[in-house]
Amino acid sequence: MLKPLLLGSLFLLCASSLFAAEYSGTVNWIYDGDTLLVTGIGKVRLLGVDTPEGQDSQRDRFYLKQFGIDSKRLRTVARQVKRFNIKTIKGVQVRLVTDSTDGPERDKYDRLLAYLYLPDGRMLNRILLKKGLASVFRRYQFSFKDDFLAAEKIARTAGIGLWQPLIPCSLPALSAKPAEKTAESL
């Protein structure tokens, strides 16, 4: 009874390793919130997440239409996520795991598509979502999509990062007639 269970577990373990590759290296450059350079691997694109660009881009229209997030907020979050990544992973030895459900290991820019794991075992992709520094890249299927959507929902509910409520501009109300000058106001 125990032998078939062990064989089945061993098969699942071996099968799962056929579908994902694992790499490790030191992060030596942060391009932006979702793209970095890892020694011995090259450029890496964090799988399943999208962070705002540092400059205005075509993607801004998507954020405005889908989520009501304006370009000013996008630029602010782009700076925040880049600073966070520099502080968290620059110079750090990380583990990268690919995902076969997303198709090829590399994108059209030859970046490795991967989940990034910190030395303590936490996944950076998920951390960025929970902090509101990224949104889920919904276009493609990937293994952690449901988990990532739940992490994004936590940030949206908390109203942090990308999901902060817009603060309306408060201007004084205009009156129809000019204010009277009094002795106290002079």
Protein backbone atom coordinates (compact mmCIF):
# COMPACT_ATOMS: atom_id res chain seq x y z
CA MET A 1 0.00 0.00 0.00
CA LEU A 2 2.79 2.40 0.90
CA LYS A 3 4.86 1.46 -2.15
CA PRO A 4 2.25 2.62 -4.77
CA LEU A 5 1.80 5.88 -2.85
CA LEU A 6 5.55 6.52 -2.83
CA LEU A 7 5.84 5.66 -6.52
CA GLY A 8 2.95 7.97 -7.36
CA SER A 9 4.51 10.81 -5.36
CA LEU A 10 7.86 10.24 -7.06
CA PHE A 11 6.17 10.30 -10.48
CA LEU A 12 4.43 13.61 -9.71
CA LEU A 13 7.67 15.12 -8.46
CA CYS A 14 9.55 14.04 -11.59
CA ALA A 15 6.72 15.11 -13.90
CA SER A 16 6.51 18.58 -12.36
CA SER A 17 10.25 19.08 -12.85
CA LEU A 18 9.79 18.31 -16.57
CA PHE A 19 7.47 21.28 -16.93
CA ALA A 20 9.48 23.96 -15.14
CA ALA A 21 13.14 24.86 -15.17
CA GLU A 22 14.93 26.33 -12.20
CA TYR A 23 17.83 28.78 -12.29
CA SER A 24 19.73 30.83 -9.76
CA GLY A 25 21.92 33.88 -9.94
CA THR A 26 22.60 37.28 -8.48
CA VAL A 27 20.44 40.25 -9.47
CA ASN A 28 22.85 42.92 -10.68
CA TRP A 29 20.55 45.43 -12.42
CA ILE A 30 16.93 46.56 -12.13
CA TYR A 31 15.52 47.94 -15.39
CA ASP A 32 12.03 48.58 -14.03
CA GLY A 33 9.44 46.94 -11.80
CA ASP A 34 9.14 43.70 -13.74
CA THR A 35 12.44 43.39 -15.66
CA LEU A 36 15.88 42.76 -14.18
CA LEU A 37 19.30 41.39 -15.05
CA VAL A 38 20.61 38.24 -13.37
CA THR A 39 24.24 37.13 -13.62
CA GLY A 40 24.66 34.09 -15.85
CA ILE A 41 21.04 34.21 -17.05
CA GLY A 42 20.51 37.59 -18.66
CA LYS A 43 17.34 39.65 -18.66
CA VAL A 44 14.44 38.27 -16.65
CA ARG A 45 10.78 39.31 -16.93
CA LEU A 46 8.72 38.58 -13.81
CA LEU A 47 6.01 36.17 -14.89
CA GLY A 48 2.34 36.95 -14.37
CA VAL A 49 2.72 40.55 -13.21
CA ASP A 50 2.72 43.93 -14.90
CA THR A 51 4.21 47.06 -13.38
CA PRO A 52 3.78 50.57 -14.72
CA GLU A 53 6.42 51.98 -17.06
CA GLY A 54 8.68 54.84 -16.00
CA GLN A 55 7.49 57.00 -18.93
CA ASP A 56 4.15 57.42 -20.63
CA SER A 57 3.37 54.34 -22.72
CA GLN A 58 0.62 52.61 -24.70
CA ARG A 59 -0.14 50.54 -21.59
CA ASP A 60 -1.37 53.69 -19.80
CA ARG A 61 -4.62 53.57 -21.79
CA PHE A 62 -5.24 50.02 -20.56
CA TYR A 63 -4.80 51.04 -16.92
CA LEU A 64 -7.09 54.04 -17.37
CA LYS A 65 -9.80 52.11 -19.23
CA GLN A 66 -9.70 48.92 -17.13
CA PHE A 67 -9.01 50.31 -13.67
CA GLY A 68 -9.43 54.11 -13.80
CA ILE A 69 -5.75 54.64 -12.90
CA ASP A 70 -4.30 57.83 -14.35
CA SER A 71 -0.79 58.33 -15.73
CA LYS A 72 0.35 60.40 -12.73
CA ARG A 73 -0.38 57.47 -10.39
CA LEU A 74 1.31 55.06 -12.83
CA ARG A 75 4.54 57.13 -12.86
CA THR A 76 4.51 57.33 -9.04
CA VAL A 77 4.06 53.56 -8.67
CA ALA A 78 6.72 52.92 -11.35
CA ARG A 79 9.25 54.85 -9.21
CA GLN A 80 8.09 53.08 -6.04
CA VAL A 81 8.37 49.57 -7.46
CA LYS A 82 11.80 50.21 -8.96
CA ARG A 83 13.07 51.55 -5.59
CA PHE A 84 11.49 48.58 -3.80
CA ASN A 85 13.20 46.10 -6.15
CA ILE A 86 16.57 47.84 -5.83
CA LYS A 87 16.30 47.71 -2.04
CA THR A 88 14.96 44.12 -1.95
CA ILE A 89 16.82 42.18 -4.66
CA LYS A 90 19.77 44.11 -6.09
CA GLY A 91 22.93 42.16 -5.28
CA VAL A 92 20.90 39.25 -3.91
CA GLN A 93 21.21 35.59 -4.93
CA VAL A 94 17.73 34.54 -6.13
CA ARG A 95 16.01 31.45 -7.47
CA LEU A 96 14.06 31.68 -10.73
CA VAL A 97 11.42 29.15 -11.77
CA THR A 98 9.78 29.03 -15.19
CA ASP A 99 6.22 27.94 -15.91
CA SER A 100 5.33 25.67 -18.80
CA THR A 101 1.67 26.75 -18.93
CA ASP A 102 2.74 30.17 -20.17
CA GLY A 103 4.36 28.73 -23.29
CA PRO A 104 7.99 29.42 -24.10
CA GLU A 105 10.61 30.12 -21.44
CA ARG A 106 11.58 33.40 -23.09
CA ASP A 107 9.54 36.23 -24.54
CA LYS A 108 10.03 37.98 -27.90
CA TYR A 109 12.69 40.21 -26.27
CA ASP A 110 14.63 37.07 -25.15
CA ARG A 111 13.88 37.71 -21.47
CA LEU A 112 13.50 34.64 -19.26
CA LEU A 113 9.90 34.51 -17.99
CA ALA A 114 10.06 33.42 -14.37
CA TYR A 115 8.80 33.51 -10.83
CA LEU A 116 11.50 35.04 -8.60
CA TYR A 117 12.05 33.56 -5.15
CA LEU A 118 13.92 35.45 -2.45
CA PRO A 119 16.43 33.67 -0.18
CA ASP A 120 13.71 33.41 2.52
CA GLY A 121 11.45 31.51 0.08
CA ARG A 122 8.93 34.29 -0.60
CA MET A 123 8.00 34.99 -4.23
CA LEU A 124 8.71 38.55 -5.38
CA ASN A 125 5.95 38.45 -8.03
CA ARG A 126 3.33 37.86 -5.29
CA ILE A 127 4.87 40.45 -2.93
CA LEU A 128 4.59 43.17 -5.60
CA LEU A 129 0.91 42.33 -6.10
CA LYS A 130 0.12 42.40 -2.36
CA LYS A 131 1.84 45.77 -2.00
CA GLY A 132 -0.15 47.22 -4.91
CA LEU A 133 3.03 47.77 -6.92
CA ALA A 134 1.89 45.49 -9.76
CA SER A 135 -1.25 44.17 -11.37
CA VAL A 136 -1.87 40.67 -12.68
CA PHE A 137 -0.90 40.22 -16.31
CA ARG A 138 -4.23 38.78 -17.42
CA ARG A 139 -3.55 38.12 -21.11
CA TYR A 140 -1.87 34.72 -20.67
CA GLN A 141 -2.52 31.63 -18.60
CA PHE A 142 0.03 30.67 -15.93
CA SER A 143 0.08 28.36 -12.92
CA PHE A 144 -0.25 31.00 -10.20
CA LYS A 145 -2.92 33.11 -11.92
CA ASP A 146 -5.68 32.46 -9.34
CA ASP A 147 -3.25 33.02 -6.48
CA PHE A 148 -2.01 36.25 -8.08
CA LEU A 149 -5.56 37.52 -8.62
CA ALA A 150 -6.25 36.90 -4.91
CA ALA A 151 -3.05 38.79 -3.96
CA GLU A 152 -4.04 41.71 -6.20
CA LYS A 153 -7.47 41.75 -4.59
CA ILE A 154 -5.85 42.17 -1.16
CA ALA A 155 -4.10 45.35 -2.37
CA ARG A 156 -7.22 46.63 -4.13
CA THR A 157 -9.33 46.10 -1.00
CA ALA A 158 -6.69 47.84 1.14
CA GLY A 159 -6.49 50.70 -1.38
CA ILE A 160 -2.69 50.68 -1.61
CA GLY A 161 -0.23 51.41 -4.42
CA LEU A 162 -1.95 51.36 -7.80
CA TRP A 163 -5.29 50.95 -6.06
CA GLN A 164 -5.20 54.07 -3.86
CA PRO A 165 -8.42 56.03 -4.18
CA LEU A 166 -8.09 59.16 -6.25
CA ILE A 167 -7.97 62.24 -4.06
CA PRO A 168 -10.25 64.85 -5.56
CA CYS A 169 -8.76 68.27 -5.98
CA SER A 170 -10.30 70.57 -3.38
CA LEU A 171 -10.76 74.07 -4.65
CA PRO A 172 -12.59 76.75 -2.74
CA ALA A 173 -16.16 77.19 -3.86
CA LEU A 174 -16.73 80.13 -6.15
CA SER A 175 -19.40 82.53 -5.08
CA ALA A 176 -21.54 84.61 -7.41
CA LYS A 177 -20.65 87.89 -5.73
CA PRO A 178 -17.31 89.05 -4.43
CA ALA A 179 -16.67 88.78 -0.72
CA GLU A 180 -17.21 91.95 1.23
CA LYS A 181 -14.22 93.44 2.89
CA THR A 182 -14.61 94.01 6.57
CA ALA A 183 -12.42 95.81 9.02
CA GLU A 184 -11.31 92.46 10.41
CA SER A 185 -10.15 91.17 7.04
CA LEU A 186 -7.99 94.27 6.35
